[in-house]
Amino acid sequence: MESNPELKSAIMEVVDNQINSNDPPETRQTLYRLKNEGHSESKAKELIGCVVASEIFEVLKRQESFNLNRFVKALNNLPKIPED
């Protein structure tokens, strides 16, 4: 995400929207969990952004709809970053 500031900004906006709307609630829960584990709020959001980016990639690659189960599983695995 570092190489494209516009893309990073868009993904971070998605993260903020999910946290603010509590939809899905697992995003906000993951933010609190990561903060409790010692990550700064900024770092926690960046980690969540990696999951958002990974899910977008999967949706495009597989030409399928957003998969909430896959997304939540990836959130639960943080701080381990999703792999291709």
PDB file of N, CA and C in Angstrom:
ATOM      1  N   MET A   1       0.819  -1.195   0.000  1.00  0.00           N
ATOM      2  CA  MET A   1       0.000   0.000   0.000  1.00  0.00           C
ATOM      3  C   MET A   1       0.864   1.259   0.000  1.00  0.00           C
ATOM      4  N   GLU A   2       2.113   1.147   0.401  1.00  0.00           N
ATOM      5  CA  GLU A   2       2.962   2.319   0.508  1.00  0.00           C
ATOM      6  C   GLU A   2       3.267   2.937  -0.853  1.00  0.00           C
ATOM      7  N   SER A   3       3.268   2.145  -1.934  1.00  0.00           N
ATOM      8  CA  SER A   3       3.682   2.659  -3.222  1.00  0.00           C
ATOM      9  C   SER A   3       2.597   3.484  -3.919  1.00  0.00           C
ATOM     10  N   ASN A   4       1.369   3.397  -3.461  1.00  0.00           N
ATOM     11  CA  ASN A   4       0.278   4.140  -4.091  1.00  0.00           C
ATOM     12  C   ASN A   4      -0.522   4.863  -3.002  1.00  0.00           C
ATOM     13  N   PRO A   5      -0.211   6.133  -2.757  1.00  0.00           N
ATOM     14  CA  PRO A   5      -0.871   6.858  -1.668  1.00  0.00           C
ATOM     15  C   PRO A   5      -2.389   6.978  -1.849  1.00  0.00           C
ATOM     16  N   GLU A   6      -2.861   7.082  -3.092  1.00  0.00           N
ATOM     17  CA  GLU A   6      -4.302   7.198  -3.315  1.00  0.00           C
ATOM     18  C   GLU A   6      -5.009   5.895  -2.944  1.00  0.00           C
ATOM     19  N   LEU A   7      -4.392   4.772  -3.309  1.00  0.00           N
ATOM     20  CA  LEU A   7      -4.963   3.475  -2.973  1.00  0.00           C
ATOM     21  C   LEU A   7      -4.967   3.263  -1.463  1.00  0.00           C
ATOM     22  N   LYS A   8      -3.854   3.617  -0.825  1.00  0.00           N
ATOM     23  CA  LYS A   8      -3.783   3.483   0.636  1.00  0.00           C
ATOM     24  C   LYS A   8      -4.861   4.336   1.296  1.00  0.00           C
ATOM     25  N   SER A   9      -5.036   5.551   0.815  1.00  0.00           N
ATOM     26  CA  SER A   9      -6.046   6.440   1.381  1.00  0.00           C
ATOM     27  C   SER A   9      -7.447   5.846   1.228  1.00  0.00           C
ATOM     28  N   ALA A  10      -7.726   5.276   0.058  1.00  0.00           N
ATOM     29  CA  ALA A  10      -9.050   4.675  -0.184  1.00  0.00           C
ATOM     30  C   ALA A  10      -9.278   3.472   0.729  1.00  0.00           C
ATOM     31  N   ILE A  11      -8.255   2.654   0.895  1.00  0.00           N
ATOM     32  CA  ILE A  11      -8.394   1.474   1.756  1.00  0.00           C
ATOM     33  C   ILE A  11      -8.566   1.897   3.206  1.00  0.00           C
ATOM     34  N   MET A  12      -7.815   2.899   3.637  1.00  0.00           N
ATOM     35  CA  MET A  12      -7.949   3.366   5.017  1.00  0.00           C
ATOM     36  C   MET A  12      -9.316   3.999   5.249  1.00  0.00           C
ATOM     37  N   GLU A  13      -9.894   4.595   4.215  1.00  0.00           N
ATOM     38  CA  GLU A  13     -11.258   5.137   4.326  1.00  0.00           C
ATOM     39  C   GLU A  13     -12.250   3.999   4.532  1.00  0.00           C
ATOM     40  N   VAL A  14     -12.052   2.887   3.834  1.00  0.00           N
ATOM     41  CA  VAL A  14     -12.907   1.710   4.028  1.00  0.00           C
ATOM     42  C   VAL A  14     -12.783   1.223   5.471  1.00  0.00           C
ATOM     43  N   VAL A  15     -11.559   1.143   5.978  1.00  0.00           N
ATOM     44  CA  VAL A  15     -11.337   0.702   7.360  1.00  0.00           C
ATOM     45  C   VAL A  15     -12.084   1.623   8.322  1.00  0.00           C
ATOM     46  N   ASP A  16     -11.903   2.926   8.162  1.00  0.00           N
ATOM     47  CA  ASP A  16     -12.570   3.886   9.054  1.00  0.00           C
ATOM     48  C   ASP A  16     -14.091   3.763   8.957  1.00  0.00           C
ATOM     49  N   ASN A  17     -14.603   3.600   7.744  1.00  0.00           N
ATOM     50  CA  ASN A  17     -16.057   3.456   7.573  1.00  0.00           C
ATOM     51  C   ASN A  17     -16.569   2.197   8.266  1.00  0.00           C
ATOM     52  N   GLN A  18     -15.837   1.094   8.144  1.00  0.00           N
ATOM     53  CA  GLN A  18     -16.257  -0.138   8.805  1.00  0.00           C
ATOM     54  C   GLN A  18     -16.238   0.013  10.320  1.00  0.00           C
ATOM     55  N   ILE A  19     -15.220   0.676  10.841  1.00  0.00           N
ATOM     56  CA  ILE A  19     -15.123   0.882  12.288  1.00  0.00           C
ATOM     57  C   ILE A  19     -16.243   1.801  12.769  1.00  0.00           C
ATOM     58  N   ASN A  20     -16.449   2.905  12.066  1.00  0.00           N
ATOM     59  CA  ASN A  20     -17.460   3.882  12.484  1.00  0.00           C
ATOM     60  C   ASN A  20     -18.886   3.344  12.386  1.00  0.00           C
ATOM     61  N   SER A  21     -19.143   2.533  11.372  1.00  0.00           N
ATOM     62  CA  SER A  21     -20.499   1.988  11.201  1.00  0.00           C
ATOM     63  C   SER A  21     -20.686   0.661  11.930  1.00  0.00           C
ATOM     64  N   ASN A  22     -19.580   0.120  12.451  1.00  0.00           N
ATOM     65  CA  ASN A  22     -19.582  -1.185  13.115  1.00  0.00           C
ATOM     66  C   ASN A  22     -20.148  -2.272  12.184  1.00  0.00           C
ATOM     67  N   ASP A  23     -19.745  -2.178  10.911  1.00  0.00           N
ATOM     68  CA  ASP A  23     -20.217  -3.124   9.899  1.00  0.00           C
ATOM     69  C   ASP A  23     -19.069  -3.492   8.973  1.00  0.00           C
ATOM     70  N   PRO A  24     -18.548  -4.672   9.088  1.00  0.00           N
ATOM     71  CA  PRO A  24     -18.943  -5.717  10.026  1.00  0.00           C
ATOM     72  C   PRO A  24     -18.359  -5.435  11.410  1.00  0.00           C
ATOM     73  N   PRO A  25     -19.010  -5.905  12.448  1.00  0.00           N
ATOM     74  CA  PRO A  25     -18.547  -5.618  13.809  1.00  0.00           C
ATOM     75  C   PRO A  25     -17.164  -6.196  14.102  1.00  0.00           C
ATOM     76  N   GLU A  26     -16.770  -7.204  13.369  1.00  0.00           N
ATOM     77  CA  GLU A  26     -15.456  -7.827  13.595  1.00  0.00           C
ATOM     78  C   GLU A  26     -14.305  -6.868  13.306  1.00  0.00           C
ATOM     79  N   THR A  27     -14.532  -5.880  12.450  1.00  0.00           N
ATOM     80  CA  THR A  27     -13.473  -4.908  12.165  1.00  0.00           C
ATOM     81  C   THR A  27     -13.173  -4.084  13.414  1.00  0.00           C
ATOM     82  N   ARG A  28     -14.215  -3.568  14.057  1.00  0.00           N
ATOM     83  CA  ARG A  28     -14.008  -2.788  15.282  1.00  0.00           C
ATOM     84  C   ARG A  28     -13.446  -3.668  16.388  1.00  0.00           C
ATOM     85  N   GLN A  29     -13.950  -4.892  16.507  1.00  0.00           N
ATOM     86  CA  GLN A  29     -13.444  -5.826  17.513  1.00  0.00           C
ATOM     87  C   GLN A  29     -11.960  -6.090  17.297  1.00  0.00           C
ATOM     88  N   THR A  30     -11.565  -6.215  16.049  1.00  0.00           N
ATOM     89  CA  THR A  30     -10.157  -6.462  15.735  1.00  0.00           C
ATOM     90  C   THR A  30      -9.312  -5.248  16.092  1.00  0.00           C
ATOM     91  N   LEU A  31      -9.814  -4.056  15.832  1.00  0.00           N
ATOM     92  CA  LEU A  31      -9.090  -2.840  16.218  1.00  0.00           C
ATOM     93  C   LEU A  31      -8.825  -2.846  17.714  1.00  0.00           C
ATOM     94  N   TYR A  32      -9.854  -3.099  18.513  1.00  0.00           N
ATOM     95  CA  TYR A  32      -9.686  -3.117  19.973  1.00  0.00           C
ATOM     96  C   TYR A  32      -8.735  -4.222  20.409  1.00  0.00           C
ATOM     97  N   ARG A  33      -8.836  -5.395  19.792  1.00  0.00           N
ATOM     98  CA  ARG A  33      -7.960  -6.508  20.160  1.00  0.00           C
ATOM     99  C   ARG A  33      -6.503  -6.163  19.877  1.00  0.00           C
ATOM    100  N   LEU A  34      -6.249  -5.624  18.695  1.00  0.00           N
ATOM    101  CA  LEU A  34      -4.874  -5.284  18.337  1.00  0.00           C
ATOM    102  C   LEU A  34      -4.315  -4.191  19.247  1.00  0.00           C
ATOM    103  N   LYS A  35      -5.141  -3.207  19.594  1.00  0.00           N
ATOM    104  CA  LYS A  35      -4.692  -2.163  20.514  1.00  0.00           C
ATOM    105  C   LYS A  35      -4.383  -2.757  21.882  1.00  0.00           C
ATOM    106  N   ASN A  36      -5.220  -3.685  22.333  1.00  0.00           N
ATOM    107  CA  ASN A  36      -4.974  -4.344  23.625  1.00  0.00           C
ATOM    108  C   ASN A  36      -3.709  -5.195  23.607  1.00  0.00           C
ATOM    109  N   GLU A  37      -3.326  -5.649  22.419  1.00  0.00           N
ATOM    110  CA  GLU A  37      -2.106  -6.435  22.272  1.00  0.00           C
ATOM    111  C   GLU A  37      -0.871  -5.550  22.154  1.00  0.00           C
ATOM    112  N   GLY A  38      -1.063  -4.225  22.202  1.00  0.00           N
ATOM    113  CA  GLY A  38       0.071  -3.313  22.215  1.00  0.00           C
ATOM    114  C   GLY A  38       0.336  -2.562  20.927  1.00  0.00           C
ATOM    115  N   HIS A  39      -0.479  -2.763  19.909  1.00  0.00           N
ATOM    116  CA  HIS A  39      -0.299  -2.025  18.661  1.00  0.00           C
ATOM    117  C   HIS A  39      -0.919  -0.639  18.804  1.00  0.00           C
ATOM    118  N   SER A  40      -0.296   0.336  18.175  1.00  0.00           N
ATOM    119  CA  SER A  40      -0.896   1.672  18.152  1.00  0.00           C
ATOM    120  C   SER A  40      -2.167   1.615  17.315  1.00  0.00           C
ATOM    121  N   GLU A  41      -3.041   2.591  17.490  1.00  0.00           N
ATOM    122  CA  GLU A  41      -4.256   2.626  16.691  1.00  0.00           C
ATOM    123  C   GLU A  41      -3.924   2.704  15.205  1.00  0.00           C
ATOM    124  N   SER A  42      -2.930   3.505  14.870  1.00  0.00           N
ATOM    125  CA  SER A  42      -2.515   3.657  13.481  1.00  0.00           C
ATOM    126  C   SER A  42      -2.030   2.335  12.898  1.00  0.00           C
ATOM    127  N   LYS A  43      -1.198   1.619  13.636  1.00  0.00           N
ATOM    128  CA  LYS A  43      -0.684   0.325  13.177  1.00  0.00           C
ATOM    129  C   LYS A  43      -1.810  -0.693  13.071  1.00  0.00           C
ATOM    130  N   ALA A  44      -2.712  -0.708  14.034  1.00  0.00           N
ATOM    131  CA  ALA A  44      -3.838  -1.642  14.003  1.00  0.00           C
ATOM    132  C   ALA A  44      -4.701  -1.395  12.767  1.00  0.00           C
ATOM    133  N   LYS A  45      -4.970  -0.144  12.473  1.00  0.00           N
ATOM    134  CA  LYS A  45      -5.767   0.172  11.284  1.00  0.00           C
ATOM    135  C   LYS A  45      -5.030  -0.216  10.010  1.00  0.00           C
ATOM    136  N   GLU A  46      -3.725  -0.032   9.999  1.00  0.00           N
ATOM    137  CA  GLU A  46      -2.932  -0.421   8.835  1.00  0.00           C
ATOM    138  C   GLU A  46      -2.992  -1.935   8.625  1.00  0.00           C
ATOM    139  N   LEU A  47      -2.926  -2.694   9.706  1.00  0.00           N
ATOM    140  CA  LEU A  47      -3.048  -4.154   9.607  1.00  0.00           C
ATOM    141  C   LEU A  47      -4.431  -4.546   9.075  1.00  0.00           C
ATOM    142  N   ILE A  48      -5.454  -3.903   9.576  1.00  0.00           N
ATOM    143  CA  ILE A  48      -6.815  -4.169   9.083  1.00  0.00           C
ATOM    144  C   ILE A  48      -6.904  -3.794   7.606  1.00  0.00           C
ATOM    145  N   GLY A  49      -6.246  -2.714   7.230  1.00  0.00           N
ATOM    146  CA  GLY A  49      -6.214  -2.311   5.827  1.00  0.00           C
ATOM    147  C   GLY A  49      -5.598  -3.379   4.929  1.00  0.00           C
ATOM    148  N   CYS A  50      -4.619  -4.102   5.449  1.00  0.00           N
ATOM    149  CA  CYS A  50      -4.029  -5.208   4.683  1.00  0.00           C
ATOM    150  C   CYS A  50      -5.072  -6.284   4.409  1.00  0.00           C
ATOM    151  N   VAL A  51      -5.944  -6.531   5.375  1.00  0.00           N
ATOM    152  CA  VAL A  51      -7.012  -7.514   5.185  1.00  0.00           C
ATOM    153  C   VAL A  51      -8.024  -7.000   4.159  1.00  0.00           C
ATOM    154  N   VAL A  52      -8.364  -5.732   4.243  1.00  0.00           N
ATOM    155  CA  VAL A  52      -9.286  -5.143   3.261  1.00  0.00           C
ATOM    156  C   VAL A  52      -8.697  -5.274   1.859  1.00  0.00           C
ATOM    157  N   ALA A  53      -7.424  -4.917   1.711  1.00  0.00           N
ATOM    158  CA  ALA A  53      -6.770  -5.003   0.401  1.00  0.00           C
ATOM    159  C   ALA A  53      -6.734  -6.442  -0.101  1.00  0.00           C
ATOM    160  N   SER A  54      -6.454  -7.368   0.789  1.00  0.00           N
ATOM    161  CA  SER A  54      -6.409  -8.781   0.419  1.00  0.00           C
ATOM    162  C   SER A  54      -7.779  -9.264  -0.053  1.00  0.00           C
ATOM    163  N   GLU A  55      -8.830  -8.845   0.639  1.00  0.00           N
ATOM    164  CA  GLU A  55     -10.177  -9.267   0.250  1.00  0.00           C
ATOM    165  C   GLU A  55     -10.561  -8.655  -1.098  1.00  0.00           C
ATOM    166  N   ILE A  56     -10.201  -7.406  -1.322  1.00  0.00           N
ATOM    167  CA  ILE A  56     -10.468  -6.782  -2.621  1.00  0.00           C
ATOM    168  C   ILE A  56      -9.758  -7.568  -3.719  1.00  0.00           C
ATOM    169  N   PHE A  57      -8.507  -7.922  -3.476  1.00  0.00           N
ATOM    170  CA  PHE A  57      -7.741  -8.695  -4.452  1.00  0.00           C
ATOM    171  C   PHE A  57      -8.420 -10.034  -4.737  1.00  0.00           C
ATOM    172  N   GLU A  58      -8.859 -10.732  -3.690  1.00  0.00           N
ATOM    173  CA  GLU A  58      -9.521 -12.027  -3.872  1.00  0.00           C
ATOM    174  C   GLU A  58     -10.816 -11.888  -4.669  1.00  0.00           C
ATOM    175  N   VAL A  59     -11.587 -10.858  -4.380  1.00  0.00           N
ATOM    176  CA  VAL A  59     -12.842 -10.622  -5.096  1.00  0.00           C
ATOM    177  C   VAL A  59     -12.565 -10.411  -6.591  1.00  0.00           C
ATOM    178  N   LEU A  60     -11.560  -9.612  -6.880  1.00  0.00           N
ATOM    179  CA  LEU A  60     -11.232  -9.348  -8.280  1.00  0.00           C
ATOM    180  C   LEU A  60     -10.639 -10.575  -8.964  1.00  0.00           C
ATOM    181  N   LYS A  61      -9.740 -11.257  -8.269  1.00  0.00           N
ATOM    182  CA  LYS A  61      -9.077 -12.430  -8.847  1.00  0.00           C
ATOM    183  C   LYS A  61     -10.075 -13.552  -9.138  1.00  0.00           C
ATOM    184  N   ARG A  62     -10.966 -13.792  -8.202  1.00  0.00           N
ATOM    185  CA  ARG A  62     -11.910 -14.900  -8.336  1.00  0.00           C
ATOM    186  C   ARG A  62     -13.212 -14.490  -9.014  1.00  0.00           C
ATOM    187  N   GLN A  63     -13.351 -13.190  -9.255  1.00  0.00           N
ATOM    188  CA  GLN A  63     -14.579 -12.648  -9.843  1.00  0.00           C
ATOM    189  C   GLN A  63     -15.811 -13.120  -9.068  1.00  0.00           C
ATOM    190  N   GLU A  64     -15.760 -12.877  -7.769  1.00  0.00           N
ATOM    191  CA  GLU A  64     -16.843 -13.290  -6.887  1.00  0.00           C
ATOM    192  C   GLU A  64     -17.202 -12.150  -5.955  1.00  0.00           C
ATOM    193  N   SER A  65     -18.233 -12.359  -5.162  1.00  0.00           N
ATOM    194  CA  SER A  65     -18.673 -11.360  -4.192  1.00  0.00           C
ATOM    195  C   SER A  65     -17.789 -11.373  -2.950  1.00  0.00           C
ATOM    196  N   PHE A  66     -17.893 -10.287  -2.197  1.00  0.00           N
ATOM    197  CA  PHE A  66     -17.230 -10.188  -0.893  1.00  0.00           C
ATOM    198  C   PHE A  66     -17.575 -11.417  -0.060  1.00  0.00           C
ATOM    199  N   ASN A  67     -16.545 -12.009   0.563  1.00  0.00           N
ATOM    200  CA  ASN A  67     -16.731 -13.214   1.359  1.00  0.00           C
ATOM    201  C   ASN A  67     -16.495 -12.852   2.823  1.00  0.00           C
ATOM    202  N   LEU A  68     -17.584 -12.654   3.563  1.00  0.00           N
ATOM    203  CA  LEU A  68     -17.477 -12.233   4.958  1.00  0.00           C
ATOM    204  C   LEU A  68     -16.707 -13.247   5.785  1.00  0.00           C
ATOM    205  N   ASN A  69     -16.935 -14.522   5.575  1.00  0.00           N
ATOM    206  CA  ASN A  69     -16.229 -15.541   6.365  1.00  0.00           C
ATOM    207  C   ASN A  69     -14.728 -15.476   6.142  1.00  0.00           C
ATOM    208  N   ARG A  70     -14.302 -15.336   4.905  1.00  0.00           N
ATOM    209  CA  ARG A  70     -12.871 -15.240   4.597  1.00  0.00           C
ATOM    210  C   ARG A  70     -12.287 -13.967   5.218  1.00  0.00           C
ATOM    211  N   PHE A  71     -13.053 -12.864   5.139  1.00  0.00           N
ATOM    212  CA  PHE A  71     -12.609 -11.586   5.681  1.00  0.00           C
ATOM    213  C   PHE A  71     -12.428 -11.671   7.194  1.00  0.00           C
ATOM    214  N   VAL A  72     -13.414 -12.232   7.881  1.00  0.00           N
ATOM    215  CA  VAL A  72     -13.351 -12.348   9.344  1.00  0.00           C
ATOM    216  C   VAL A  72     -12.216 -13.280   9.757  1.00  0.00           C
ATOM    217  N   LYS A  73     -12.027 -14.361   9.033  1.00  0.00           N
ATOM    218  CA  LYS A  73     -10.925 -15.289   9.345  1.00  0.00           C
ATOM    219  C   LYS A  73      -9.586 -14.553   9.246  1.00  0.00           C
ATOM    220  N   ALA A  74      -9.426 -13.733   8.209  1.00  0.00           N
ATOM    221  CA  ALA A  74      -8.189 -12.970   8.056  1.00  0.00           C
ATOM    222  C   ALA A  74      -8.025 -11.946   9.175  1.00  0.00           C
ATOM    223  N   LEU A  75      -9.118 -11.293   9.580  1.00  0.00           N
ATOM    224  CA  LEU A  75      -9.042 -10.361  10.714  1.00  0.00           C
ATOM    225  C   LEU A  75      -8.600 -11.086  11.973  1.00  0.00           C
ATOM    226  N   ASN A  76      -9.160 -12.267  12.202  1.00  0.00           N
ATOM    227  CA  ASN A  76      -8.831 -13.036  13.407  1.00  0.00           C
ATOM    228  C   ASN A  76      -7.380 -13.488  13.427  1.00  0.00           C
ATOM    229  N   ASN A  77      -6.768 -13.596  12.245  1.00  0.00           N
ATOM    230  CA  ASN A  77      -5.375 -14.036  12.158  1.00  0.00           C
ATOM    231  C   ASN A  77      -4.366 -12.891  12.330  1.00  0.00           C
ATOM    232  N   LEU A  78      -4.859 -11.649  12.334  1.00  0.00           N
ATOM    233  CA  LEU A  78      -3.951 -10.515  12.528  1.00  0.00           C
ATOM    234  C   LEU A  78      -3.299 -10.597  13.899  1.00  0.00           C
ATOM    235  N   PRO A  79      -2.040 -10.255  14.037  1.00  0.00           N
ATOM    236  CA  PRO A  79      -1.256  -9.430  13.137  1.00  0.00           C
ATOM    237  C   PRO A  79      -0.587 -10.181  11.983  1.00  0.00           C
ATOM    238  N   LYS A  80      -0.846 -11.462  11.829  1.00  0.00           N
ATOM    239  CA  LYS A  80      -0.315 -12.173  10.655  1.00  0.00           C
ATOM    240  C   LYS A  80      -1.047 -11.663   9.421  1.00  0.00           C
ATOM    241  N   ILE A  81      -0.276 -11.201   8.455  1.00  0.00           N
ATOM    242  CA  ILE A  81      -0.806 -10.608   7.232  1.00  0.00           C
ATOM    243  C   ILE A  81      -1.287 -11.710   6.294  1.00  0.00           C
ATOM    244  N   PRO A  82      -2.461 -11.529   5.658  1.00  0.00           N
ATOM    245  CA  PRO A  82      -2.931 -12.521   4.682  1.00  0.00           C
ATOM    246  C   PRO A  82      -1.930 -12.706   3.560  1.00  0.00           C
ATOM    247  N   GLU A  83      -1.786 -13.931   3.114  1.00  0.00           N
ATOM    248  CA  GLU A  83      -0.888 -14.238   2.018  1.00  0.00           C
ATOM    249  C   GLU A  83      -1.682 -14.494   0.755  1.00  0.00           C
ATOM    250  N   ASP A  84      -1.006 -14.386  -0.386  1.00  0.00           N
ATOM    251  CA  ASP A  84      -1.665 -14.671  -1.671  1.00  0.00           C
ATOM    252  C   ASP A  84      -2.079 -16.118  -1.757  1.00  0.00           C
TER     253      ASP A  84
END
